[in-house]
Amino acid sequence: MRYKAQASTHYESGTLNIKRKGYLKWEGLQLGSGFDVEIVYDKHVRVDGGFVGINDEYDLTPALARFLVQNHALIHSRVSGIEALLSGYRQFYQRECRSKMEVLSYGFLLRVYDHPRDPEGLAQDSIKHERDLRVRQLLVGNEPAFRINYERLLAVSTTELATWWYIFWVCLDLVTLVPP
């Protein structure tokens, strides 16, 4: 016995739902990475993005190209607003990065912590690269802290056992200091 459809329904329009996976809201628009697409035609009829040609690589398939052409006016009406919002987002973070660089250079951690060395003269060498007077004063005023950290590094790096012992006790202290 062959099956035949009792009735067929032709949908002229549906609602495109973009289900965001990431979380990064900027002025009400979700900019987080990753999303799934779903089209809702009716409360009982939902299809995923593959229906309109969206694949895992987001290639421009013939079906997707046809979908975009059919919805060109709707897409075009929102593009300028999204571009303006993205421009504002970029400008905000560019200003924030510049203001952070004015306080602490990006090379600070590299100079002070990534290349351990005898702290004698470390503060004097580091202040040459820092513009902010507060940071320069902290460097010069805390030379004993650099000495203690360097001595600790020398002690814990003598053997692998000493390193693991240090990590264990520091983690144990942090667990007792910060209750869950």
N, C-alpha and C. Protein backbone atom coordinates (compact mmCIF):
# COMPACT_ATOMS: atom_id res chain seq x y z
N MET A 1 0.83 -1.18 0.00
CA MET A 1 0.00 0.00 0.00
C MET A 1 0.88 1.24 0.00
N ARG A 2 0.53 2.17 -0.82
CA ARG A 2 1.27 3.43 -0.91
C ARG A 2 0.59 4.47 -0.04
N TYR A 3 1.44 5.33 0.52
CA TYR A 3 0.91 6.40 1.36
C TYR A 3 0.78 7.66 0.53
N LYS A 4 -0.25 8.40 0.77
CA LYS A 4 -0.46 9.66 0.08
C LYS A 4 -0.75 10.73 1.12
N ALA A 5 -0.30 11.92 0.84
CA ALA A 5 -0.56 13.03 1.76
C ALA A 5 -2.04 13.36 1.75
N GLN A 6 -2.56 13.57 2.95
CA GLN A 6 -3.97 13.94 3.06
C GLN A 6 -4.17 15.38 2.57
N ALA A 7 -3.19 16.22 2.93
CA ALA A 7 -3.26 17.63 2.52
C ALA A 7 -1.84 18.18 2.48
N SER A 8 -1.61 19.12 1.64
CA SER A 8 -0.31 19.78 1.61
C SER A 8 -0.53 21.26 1.90
N THR A 9 0.45 21.83 2.58
CA THR A 9 0.34 23.24 2.94
C THR A 9 1.53 23.97 2.35
N HIS A 10 1.28 25.09 1.72
CA HIS A 10 2.34 25.92 1.15
C HIS A 10 2.47 27.16 2.02
N TYR A 11 3.66 27.38 2.56
CA TYR A 11 3.90 28.53 3.43
C TYR A 11 4.58 29.63 2.62
N GLU A 12 4.06 30.83 2.73
CA GLU A 12 4.64 31.99 2.04
C GLU A 12 5.70 32.68 2.89
N SER A 13 5.54 32.59 4.20
CA SER A 13 6.49 33.28 5.09
C SER A 13 6.65 32.50 6.38
N GLY A 14 7.74 32.78 7.03
CA GLY A 14 8.03 32.17 8.32
C GLY A 14 8.89 33.13 9.12
N THR A 15 9.17 32.76 10.34
CA THR A 15 10.00 33.58 11.21
C THR A 15 11.37 32.92 11.34
N LEU A 16 12.40 33.68 11.01
CA LEU A 16 13.77 33.20 11.13
C LEU A 16 14.23 33.44 12.56
N ASN A 17 14.57 32.37 13.27
CA ASN A 17 15.09 32.49 14.63
C ASN A 17 16.57 32.15 14.63
N ILE A 18 17.35 33.03 15.19
CA ILE A 18 18.78 32.78 15.34
C ILE A 18 19.01 32.50 16.81
N LYS A 19 19.39 31.27 17.11
CA LYS A 19 19.64 30.86 18.50
C LYS A 19 21.12 31.02 18.79
N ARG A 20 21.43 32.02 19.58
CA ARG A 20 22.83 32.35 19.90
C ARG A 20 23.41 31.34 20.88
N LYS A 21 24.67 31.01 20.68
CA LYS A 21 25.36 30.10 21.59
C LYS A 21 26.28 30.88 22.53
N GLY A 22 26.90 31.92 22.02
CA GLY A 22 27.80 32.72 22.84
C GLY A 22 27.01 33.78 23.60
N TYR A 23 27.72 34.52 24.45
CA TYR A 23 27.04 35.59 25.16
C TYR A 23 27.93 36.82 25.17
N LEU A 24 27.53 37.81 24.41
CA LEU A 24 28.21 39.10 24.39
C LEU A 24 27.19 40.11 23.89
N LYS A 25 26.52 40.75 24.81
CA LYS A 25 25.51 41.74 24.42
C LYS A 25 26.14 43.11 24.35
N TRP A 26 25.80 43.82 23.29
CA TRP A 26 26.26 45.19 23.13
C TRP A 26 25.06 46.01 22.66
N GLU A 27 24.64 46.94 23.48
CA GLU A 27 23.50 47.81 23.18
C GLU A 27 22.29 47.03 22.66
N GLY A 28 22.01 45.92 23.35
CA GLY A 28 20.83 45.13 23.03
C GLY A 28 21.00 44.12 21.92
N LEU A 29 22.14 44.09 21.24
CA LEU A 29 22.37 43.13 20.17
C LEU A 29 23.35 42.07 20.65
N GLN A 30 23.00 40.82 20.44
CA GLN A 30 23.85 39.71 20.84
C GLN A 30 24.97 39.53 19.80
N LEU A 31 26.22 39.72 20.23
CA LEU A 31 27.36 39.60 19.33
C LEU A 31 28.19 38.35 19.60
N GLY A 32 27.75 37.52 20.54
CA GLY A 32 28.50 36.31 20.90
C GLY A 32 28.67 35.38 19.72
N SER A 33 29.73 34.58 19.77
CA SER A 33 30.03 33.69 18.65
C SER A 33 29.17 32.44 18.68
N GLY A 34 28.89 31.92 17.53
CA GLY A 34 28.16 30.68 17.37
C GLY A 34 26.65 30.88 17.39
N PHE A 35 25.97 30.19 16.49
CA PHE A 35 24.52 30.27 16.45
C PHE A 35 23.95 29.10 15.65
N ASP A 36 22.70 28.81 15.89
CA ASP A 36 21.93 27.87 15.11
C ASP A 36 20.76 28.64 14.51
N VAL A 37 20.32 28.20 13.34
CA VAL A 37 19.22 28.88 12.66
C VAL A 37 18.03 27.95 12.59
N GLU A 38 16.85 28.52 12.79
CA GLU A 38 15.61 27.77 12.71
C GLU A 38 14.57 28.67 12.06
N ILE A 39 13.73 28.08 11.21
CA ILE A 39 12.63 28.84 10.61
C ILE A 39 11.33 28.24 11.13
N VAL A 40 10.49 29.12 11.67
CA VAL A 40 9.21 28.68 12.22
C VAL A 40 8.12 29.16 11.27
N TYR A 41 7.41 28.22 10.69
CA TYR A 41 6.31 28.54 9.78
C TYR A 41 4.97 28.53 10.51
N ASP A 42 4.88 27.69 11.50
CA ASP A 42 3.63 27.46 12.21
C ASP A 42 4.06 26.92 13.57
N LYS A 43 3.17 26.92 14.55
CA LYS A 43 3.59 26.43 15.86
C LYS A 43 3.98 24.96 15.83
N HIS A 44 3.57 24.23 14.81
CA HIS A 44 3.92 22.82 14.69
C HIS A 44 4.92 22.55 13.57
N VAL A 45 5.30 23.58 12.83
CA VAL A 45 6.21 23.39 11.69
C VAL A 45 7.45 24.25 11.90
N ARG A 46 8.56 23.55 12.19
CA ARG A 46 9.86 24.20 12.40
C ARG A 46 10.89 23.44 11.59
N VAL A 47 11.79 24.18 10.94
CA VAL A 47 12.87 23.54 10.18
C VAL A 47 14.19 24.19 10.56
N ASP A 48 15.27 23.40 10.47
CA ASP A 48 16.58 23.97 10.82
C ASP A 48 17.16 24.72 9.62
N GLY A 49 18.33 25.30 9.82
CA GLY A 49 18.96 26.12 8.78
C GLY A 49 19.32 25.36 7.53
N GLY A 50 19.45 24.05 7.62
CA GLY A 50 19.75 23.24 6.44
C GLY A 50 18.67 23.35 5.38
N PHE A 51 17.48 23.66 5.81
CA PHE A 51 16.35 23.80 4.88
C PHE A 51 16.57 24.93 3.89
N VAL A 52 17.25 25.99 4.33
CA VAL A 52 17.53 27.12 3.43
C VAL A 52 18.98 27.11 2.94
N GLY A 53 19.70 26.00 3.17
CA GLY A 53 21.04 25.85 2.61
C GLY A 53 22.18 26.19 3.54
N ILE A 54 21.93 26.39 4.82
CA ILE A 54 23.02 26.69 5.76
C ILE A 54 23.66 25.37 6.17
N ASN A 55 24.96 25.24 5.94
CA ASN A 55 25.67 24.03 6.36
C ASN A 55 26.64 24.37 7.50
N ASP A 56 27.37 23.38 7.99
CA ASP A 56 28.26 23.58 9.13
C ASP A 56 29.41 24.54 8.85
N GLU A 57 29.78 24.70 7.58
CA GLU A 57 30.87 25.61 7.21
C GLU A 57 30.35 26.98 6.79
N TYR A 58 29.05 27.16 6.79
CA TYR A 58 28.41 28.42 6.38
C TYR A 58 28.83 28.82 4.96
N ASP A 59 28.90 27.82 4.09
CA ASP A 59 29.20 28.08 2.68
C ASP A 59 28.00 28.77 2.03
N LEU A 60 28.27 29.52 0.99
CA LEU A 60 27.19 30.14 0.22
C LEU A 60 26.68 29.11 -0.78
N THR A 61 25.73 28.32 -0.34
CA THR A 61 25.14 27.28 -1.18
C THR A 61 24.09 27.92 -2.09
N PRO A 62 23.72 27.25 -3.17
CA PRO A 62 22.67 27.80 -4.04
C PRO A 62 21.36 28.07 -3.29
N ALA A 63 20.99 27.17 -2.37
CA ALA A 63 19.75 27.37 -1.62
C ALA A 63 19.86 28.60 -0.70
N LEU A 64 21.02 28.77 -0.07
CA LEU A 64 21.22 29.93 0.80
C LEU A 64 21.24 31.22 -0.02
N ALA A 65 21.89 31.18 -1.18
CA ALA A 65 21.92 32.37 -2.05
C ALA A 65 20.50 32.75 -2.46
N ARG A 66 19.68 31.78 -2.79
CA ARG A 66 18.29 32.05 -3.17
C ARG A 66 17.53 32.65 -1.99
N PHE A 67 17.74 32.11 -0.79
CA PHE A 67 17.08 32.63 0.41
C PHE A 67 17.49 34.09 0.68
N LEU A 68 18.79 34.37 0.53
CA LEU A 68 19.27 35.74 0.76
C LEU A 68 18.71 36.72 -0.27
N VAL A 69 18.62 36.29 -1.52
CA VAL A 69 18.06 37.15 -2.57
C VAL A 69 16.59 37.42 -2.29
N GLN A 70 15.86 36.40 -1.89
CA GLN A 70 14.43 36.57 -1.60
C GLN A 70 14.19 37.52 -0.42
N ASN A 71 15.17 37.62 0.48
CA ASN A 71 15.01 38.45 1.67
C ASN A 71 15.93 39.67 1.65
N HIS A 72 16.38 40.04 0.47
CA HIS A 72 17.33 41.15 0.32
C HIS A 72 16.82 42.45 0.96
N ALA A 73 15.60 42.82 0.73
CA ALA A 73 15.07 44.08 1.26
C ALA A 73 15.07 44.08 2.78
N LEU A 74 14.66 42.98 3.37
CA LEU A 74 14.63 42.88 4.84
C LEU A 74 16.04 42.94 5.43
N ILE A 75 16.96 42.21 4.80
CA ILE A 75 18.35 42.20 5.27
C ILE A 75 18.96 43.59 5.12
N HIS A 76 18.76 44.20 3.96
CA HIS A 76 19.33 45.52 3.68
C HIS A 76 18.81 46.58 4.66
N SER A 77 17.57 46.44 5.10
CA SER A 77 16.99 47.44 6.00
C SER A 77 17.66 47.43 7.38
N ARG A 78 18.29 46.31 7.75
CA ARG A 78 18.90 46.21 9.07
C ARG A 78 20.42 46.35 9.06
N VAL A 79 21.04 46.20 7.90
CA VAL A 79 22.50 46.17 7.83
C VAL A 79 23.14 47.45 8.34
N SER A 80 22.63 48.61 7.94
CA SER A 80 23.27 49.87 8.34
C SER A 80 23.22 50.05 9.86
N GLY A 81 22.13 49.66 10.49
CA GLY A 81 22.03 49.76 11.94
C GLY A 81 23.02 48.85 12.65
N ILE A 82 23.18 47.64 12.13
CA ILE A 82 24.13 46.70 12.72
C ILE A 82 25.56 47.18 12.50
N GLU A 83 25.85 47.70 11.31
CA GLU A 83 27.19 48.23 11.04
C GLU A 83 27.51 49.40 11.97
N ALA A 84 26.55 50.27 12.21
CA ALA A 84 26.77 51.40 13.12
C ALA A 84 27.02 50.90 14.55
N LEU A 85 26.27 49.90 14.95
CA LEU A 85 26.44 49.34 16.28
C LEU A 85 27.83 48.69 16.42
N LEU A 86 28.26 47.96 15.41
CA LEU A 86 29.59 47.34 15.43
C LEU A 86 30.69 48.40 15.44
N SER A 87 30.47 49.48 14.73
CA SER A 87 31.45 50.57 14.72
C SER A 87 31.57 51.18 16.12
N GLY A 88 30.44 51.38 16.79
CA GLY A 88 30.46 51.88 18.17
C GLY A 88 31.16 50.92 19.11
N TYR A 89 30.93 49.62 18.91
CA TYR A 89 31.57 48.58 19.72
C TYR A 89 33.09 48.64 19.56
N ARG A 90 33.55 48.72 18.30
CA ARG A 90 34.99 48.80 18.02
C ARG A 90 35.61 50.06 18.64
N GLN A 91 34.94 51.20 18.47
CA GLN A 91 35.46 52.46 19.01
C GLN A 91 35.57 52.41 20.52
N PHE A 92 34.55 51.85 21.18
CA PHE A 92 34.57 51.75 22.64
C PHE A 92 35.79 50.95 23.11
N TYR A 93 36.03 49.77 22.50
CA TYR A 93 37.14 48.93 22.94
C TYR A 93 38.49 49.47 22.50
N GLN A 94 38.54 50.21 21.41
CA GLN A 94 39.80 50.87 21.05
C GLN A 94 40.16 51.93 22.10
N ARG A 95 39.16 52.71 22.51
CA ARG A 95 39.41 53.72 23.57
C ARG A 95 39.83 53.03 24.86
N GLU A 96 39.16 51.95 25.21
CA GLU A 96 39.49 51.24 26.45
C GLU A 96 40.91 50.69 26.40
N CYS A 97 41.30 50.11 25.27
CA CYS A 97 42.67 49.58 25.14
C CYS A 97 43.70 50.69 25.23
N ARG A 98 43.41 51.82 24.59
CA ARG A 98 44.36 52.95 24.67
C ARG A 98 44.49 53.44 26.11
N SER A 99 43.38 53.54 26.82
CA SER A 99 43.46 54.03 28.20
C SER A 99 44.19 53.03 29.08
N LYS A 100 44.04 51.74 28.83
CA LYS A 100 44.77 50.73 29.60
C LYS A 100 46.27 50.80 29.30
N MET A 101 46.61 51.03 28.03
CA MET A 101 48.02 51.13 27.66
C MET A 101 48.68 52.35 28.29
N GLU A 102 47.90 53.40 28.52
CA GLU A 102 48.46 54.59 29.15
C GLU A 102 48.81 54.33 30.62
N VAL A 103 48.16 53.33 31.22
CA VAL A 103 48.44 53.00 32.61
C VAL A 103 49.52 51.94 32.72
N LEU A 104 49.39 50.85 31.96
CA LEU A 104 50.34 49.75 32.06
C LEU A 104 50.63 49.22 30.67
N SER A 105 51.91 49.18 30.30
CA SER A 105 52.26 48.72 28.97
C SER A 105 51.99 47.23 28.83
N TYR A 106 51.78 46.80 27.59
CA TYR A 106 51.54 45.37 27.36
C TYR A 106 52.79 44.54 27.64
N GLY A 107 53.95 45.14 27.54
CA GLY A 107 55.19 44.42 27.79
C GLY A 107 55.54 44.26 29.25
N PHE A 108 54.77 44.86 30.15
CA PHE A 108 55.10 44.82 31.58
C PHE A 108 55.24 43.39 32.09
N LEU A 109 54.23 42.58 31.89
CA LEU A 109 54.27 41.22 32.41
C LEU A 109 55.38 40.41 31.76
N LEU A 110 55.66 40.66 30.50
CA LEU A 110 56.76 39.96 29.84
C LEU A 110 58.09 40.33 30.48
N ARG A 111 58.29 41.61 30.73
CA ARG A 111 59.56 42.05 31.31
C ARG A 111 59.72 41.60 32.75
N VAL A 112 58.65 41.63 33.53
CA VAL A 112 58.76 41.38 34.96
C VAL A 112 58.60 39.90 35.30
N TYR A 113 57.65 39.20 34.68
CA TYR A 113 57.35 37.84 35.11
C TYR A 113 57.71 36.74 34.11
N ASP A 114 57.64 36.99 32.82
CA ASP A 114 57.87 35.91 31.87
C ASP A 114 59.35 35.55 31.71
N HIS A 115 60.24 36.46 32.03
CA HIS A 115 61.67 36.19 31.92
C HIS A 115 62.30 36.42 33.29
N PRO A 116 62.19 35.42 34.16
CA PRO A 116 62.72 35.60 35.51
C PRO A 116 64.21 35.92 35.48
N ARG A 117 64.56 36.88 36.28
CA ARG A 117 65.97 37.27 36.40
C ARG A 117 66.18 37.89 37.77
N ASP A 118 67.42 38.03 38.12
CA ASP A 118 67.73 38.64 39.40
C ASP A 118 67.07 40.01 39.46
N PRO A 119 66.34 40.28 40.52
CA PRO A 119 65.58 41.54 40.58
C PRO A 119 66.44 42.79 40.76
N GLU A 120 67.72 42.62 40.92
CA GLU A 120 68.59 43.79 41.07
C GLU A 120 68.49 44.63 39.80
N GLY A 121 67.98 45.83 39.90
CA GLY A 121 67.84 46.72 38.77
C GLY A 121 66.59 46.46 37.92
N LEU A 122 65.79 45.44 38.30
CA LEU A 122 64.58 45.13 37.53
C LEU A 122 63.63 46.32 37.52
N ALA A 123 63.41 46.93 38.67
CA ALA A 123 62.50 48.07 38.75
C ALA A 123 63.01 49.23 37.90
N GLN A 124 64.30 49.50 38.00
CA GLN A 124 64.87 50.61 37.23
C GLN A 124 64.76 50.36 35.73
N ASP A 125 64.98 49.11 35.29
CA ASP A 125 64.85 48.80 33.87
C ASP A 125 63.40 48.89 33.41
N SER A 126 62.48 48.46 34.28
CA SER A 126 61.06 48.43 33.91
C SER A 126 60.43 49.81 33.85
N ILE A 127 60.86 50.73 34.70
CA ILE A 127 60.21 52.05 34.70
C ILE A 127 60.50 52.83 33.43
N LYS A 128 61.54 52.44 32.70
CA LYS A 128 61.82 53.10 31.42
C LYS A 128 60.67 52.92 30.43
N HIS A 129 59.94 51.82 30.57
CA HIS A 129 58.90 51.48 29.61
C HIS A 129 57.49 51.86 30.08
N GLU A 130 57.38 52.29 31.31
CA GLU A 130 56.06 52.62 31.86
C GLU A 130 55.86 54.13 31.91
N ARG A 131 54.71 54.59 31.41
CA ARG A 131 54.42 56.02 31.36
C ARG A 131 53.74 56.53 32.63
N ASP A 132 52.92 55.69 33.23
CA ASP A 132 52.11 56.12 34.37
C ASP A 132 52.98 56.24 35.63
N LEU A 133 52.94 57.40 36.25
CA LEU A 133 53.75 57.66 37.44
C LEU A 133 53.41 56.70 38.57
N ARG A 134 52.13 56.35 38.71
CA ARG A 134 51.73 55.42 39.79
C ARG A 134 52.40 54.07 39.63
N VAL A 135 52.49 53.57 38.41
CA VAL A 135 53.12 52.27 38.16
C VAL A 135 54.62 52.38 38.43
N ARG A 136 55.21 53.46 37.99
CA ARG A 136 56.65 53.65 38.21
C ARG A 136 56.97 53.69 39.70
N GLN A 137 56.13 54.37 40.47
CA GLN A 137 56.34 54.44 41.92
C GLN A 137 56.16 53.07 42.57
N LEU A 138 55.17 52.30 42.10
CA LEU A 138 54.97 50.95 42.63
C LEU A 138 56.18 50.06 42.36
N LEU A 139 56.74 50.18 41.16
CA LEU A 139 57.91 49.37 40.82
C LEU A 139 59.09 49.69 41.73
N VAL A 140 59.37 50.96 41.89
CA VAL A 140 60.51 51.36 42.70
C VAL A 140 60.25 51.09 44.18
N GLY A 141 59.03 51.30 44.63
CA GLY A 141 58.71 51.13 46.04
C GLY A 141 58.54 49.69 46.49
N ASN A 142 58.52 48.75 45.55
CA ASN A 142 58.29 47.35 45.92
C ASN A 142 59.40 46.42 45.46
N GLU A 143 60.61 46.93 45.44
CA GLU A 143 61.73 46.07 45.06
C GLU A 143 61.87 44.85 45.97
N PRO A 144 61.57 44.95 47.27
CA PRO A 144 61.63 43.74 48.12
C PRO A 144 60.65 42.64 47.65
N ALA A 145 59.51 43.03 47.13
CA ALA A 145 58.55 42.03 46.64
C ALA A 145 59.12 41.28 45.44
N PHE A 146 59.82 41.98 44.54
CA PHE A 146 60.46 41.31 43.41
C PHE A 146 61.54 40.34 43.90
N ARG A 147 62.30 40.77 44.90
CA ARG A 147 63.36 39.91 45.46
C ARG A 147 62.74 38.65 46.06
N ILE A 148 61.67 38.79 46.86
CA ILE A 148 61.03 37.63 47.50
C ILE A 148 60.46 36.69 46.45
N ASN A 149 59.79 37.23 45.44
CA ASN A 149 59.23 36.37 44.39
C ASN A 149 60.32 35.65 43.62
N TYR A 150 61.44 36.32 43.39
CA TYR A 150 62.54 35.68 42.66
C TYR A 150 63.14 34.56 43.50
N GLU A 151 63.33 34.81 44.78
CA GLU A 151 63.88 33.77 45.67
C GLU A 151 62.92 32.58 45.75
N ARG A 152 61.62 32.86 45.79
CA ARG A 152 60.62 31.78 45.80
C ARG A 152 60.70 30.97 44.51
N LEU A 153 60.85 31.66 43.39
CA LEU A 153 60.96 30.97 42.10
C LEU A 153 62.19 30.07 42.09
N LEU A 154 63.32 30.57 42.59
CA LEU A 154 64.53 29.76 42.62
C LEU A 154 64.33 28.52 43.49
N ALA A 155 63.65 28.69 44.62
CA ALA A 155 63.43 27.56 45.54
C ALA A 155 62.50 26.51 44.93
N VAL A 156 61.41 26.94 44.34
CA VAL A 156 60.44 25.96 43.84
C VAL A 156 60.86 25.34 42.51
N SER A 157 61.83 25.91 41.84
CA SER A 157 62.25 25.34 40.56
C SER A 157 63.51 24.49 40.68
N THR A 158 63.92 24.20 41.91
CA THR A 158 65.11 23.35 42.09
C THR A 158 64.85 21.93 41.61
N THR A 159 63.67 21.39 41.92
CA THR A 159 63.30 20.04 41.48
C THR A 159 61.82 20.04 41.11
N GLU A 160 61.43 18.99 40.40
CA GLU A 160 60.02 18.85 40.04
C GLU A 160 59.18 18.64 41.30
N LEU A 161 59.74 17.90 42.26
CA LEU A 161 59.03 17.66 43.52
C LEU A 161 58.79 18.97 44.26
N ALA A 162 59.77 19.86 44.28
CA ALA A 162 59.60 21.15 44.96
C ALA A 162 58.52 21.97 44.27
N THR A 163 58.46 21.91 42.95
CA THR A 163 57.44 22.65 42.21
C THR A 163 56.05 22.15 42.56
N TRP A 164 55.87 20.81 42.50
CA TRP A 164 54.56 20.25 42.83
C TRP A 164 54.18 20.50 44.29
N TRP A 165 55.16 20.42 45.18
CA TRP A 165 54.89 20.69 46.59
C TRP A 165 54.38 22.12 46.75
N TYR A 166 55.01 23.06 46.10
CA TYR A 166 54.61 24.46 46.18
C TYR A 166 53.19 24.65 45.62
N ILE A 167 52.94 24.08 44.44
CA ILE A 167 51.61 24.22 43.84
C ILE A 167 50.54 23.64 44.77
N PHE A 168 50.82 22.47 45.35
CA PHE A 168 49.86 21.83 46.25
C PHE A 168 49.56 22.73 47.44
N TRP A 169 50.58 23.26 48.10
CA TRP A 169 50.36 24.06 49.31
C TRP A 169 49.73 25.41 49.00
N VAL A 170 50.08 26.01 47.87
CA VAL A 170 49.45 27.28 47.50
C VAL A 170 47.97 27.06 47.22
N CYS A 171 47.67 25.99 46.48
CA CYS A 171 46.26 25.70 46.18
C CYS A 171 45.50 25.37 47.46
N LEU A 172 46.13 24.63 48.38
CA LEU A 172 45.48 24.29 49.64
C LEU A 172 45.20 25.57 50.45
N ASP A 173 46.16 26.49 50.46
CA ASP A 173 45.95 27.77 51.17
C ASP A 173 44.81 28.56 50.53
N LEU A 174 44.75 28.58 49.21
CA LEU A 174 43.68 29.32 48.53
C LEU A 174 42.32 28.71 48.84
N VAL A 175 42.25 27.39 48.93
CA VAL A 175 40.97 26.73 49.23
C VAL A 175 40.52 27.08 50.65
N THR A 176 41.45 27.13 51.59
CA THR A 176 41.07 27.46 52.97
C THR A 176 40.75 28.95 53.13
N LEU A 177 41.39 29.81 52.31
CA LEU A 177 41.12 31.24 52.41
C LEU A 177 39.81 31.63 51.75
N VAL A 178 39.47 30.97 50.67
CA VAL A 178 38.26 31.32 49.91
C VAL A 178 37.28 30.15 50.01
N PRO A 179 36.33 30.24 50.91
CA PRO A 179 35.35 29.14 51.05
C PRO A 179 34.47 29.04 49.81
N PRO A 180 34.01 27.81 49.48
CA PRO A 180 33.18 27.64 48.28
C PRO A 180 31.83 28.32 48.39
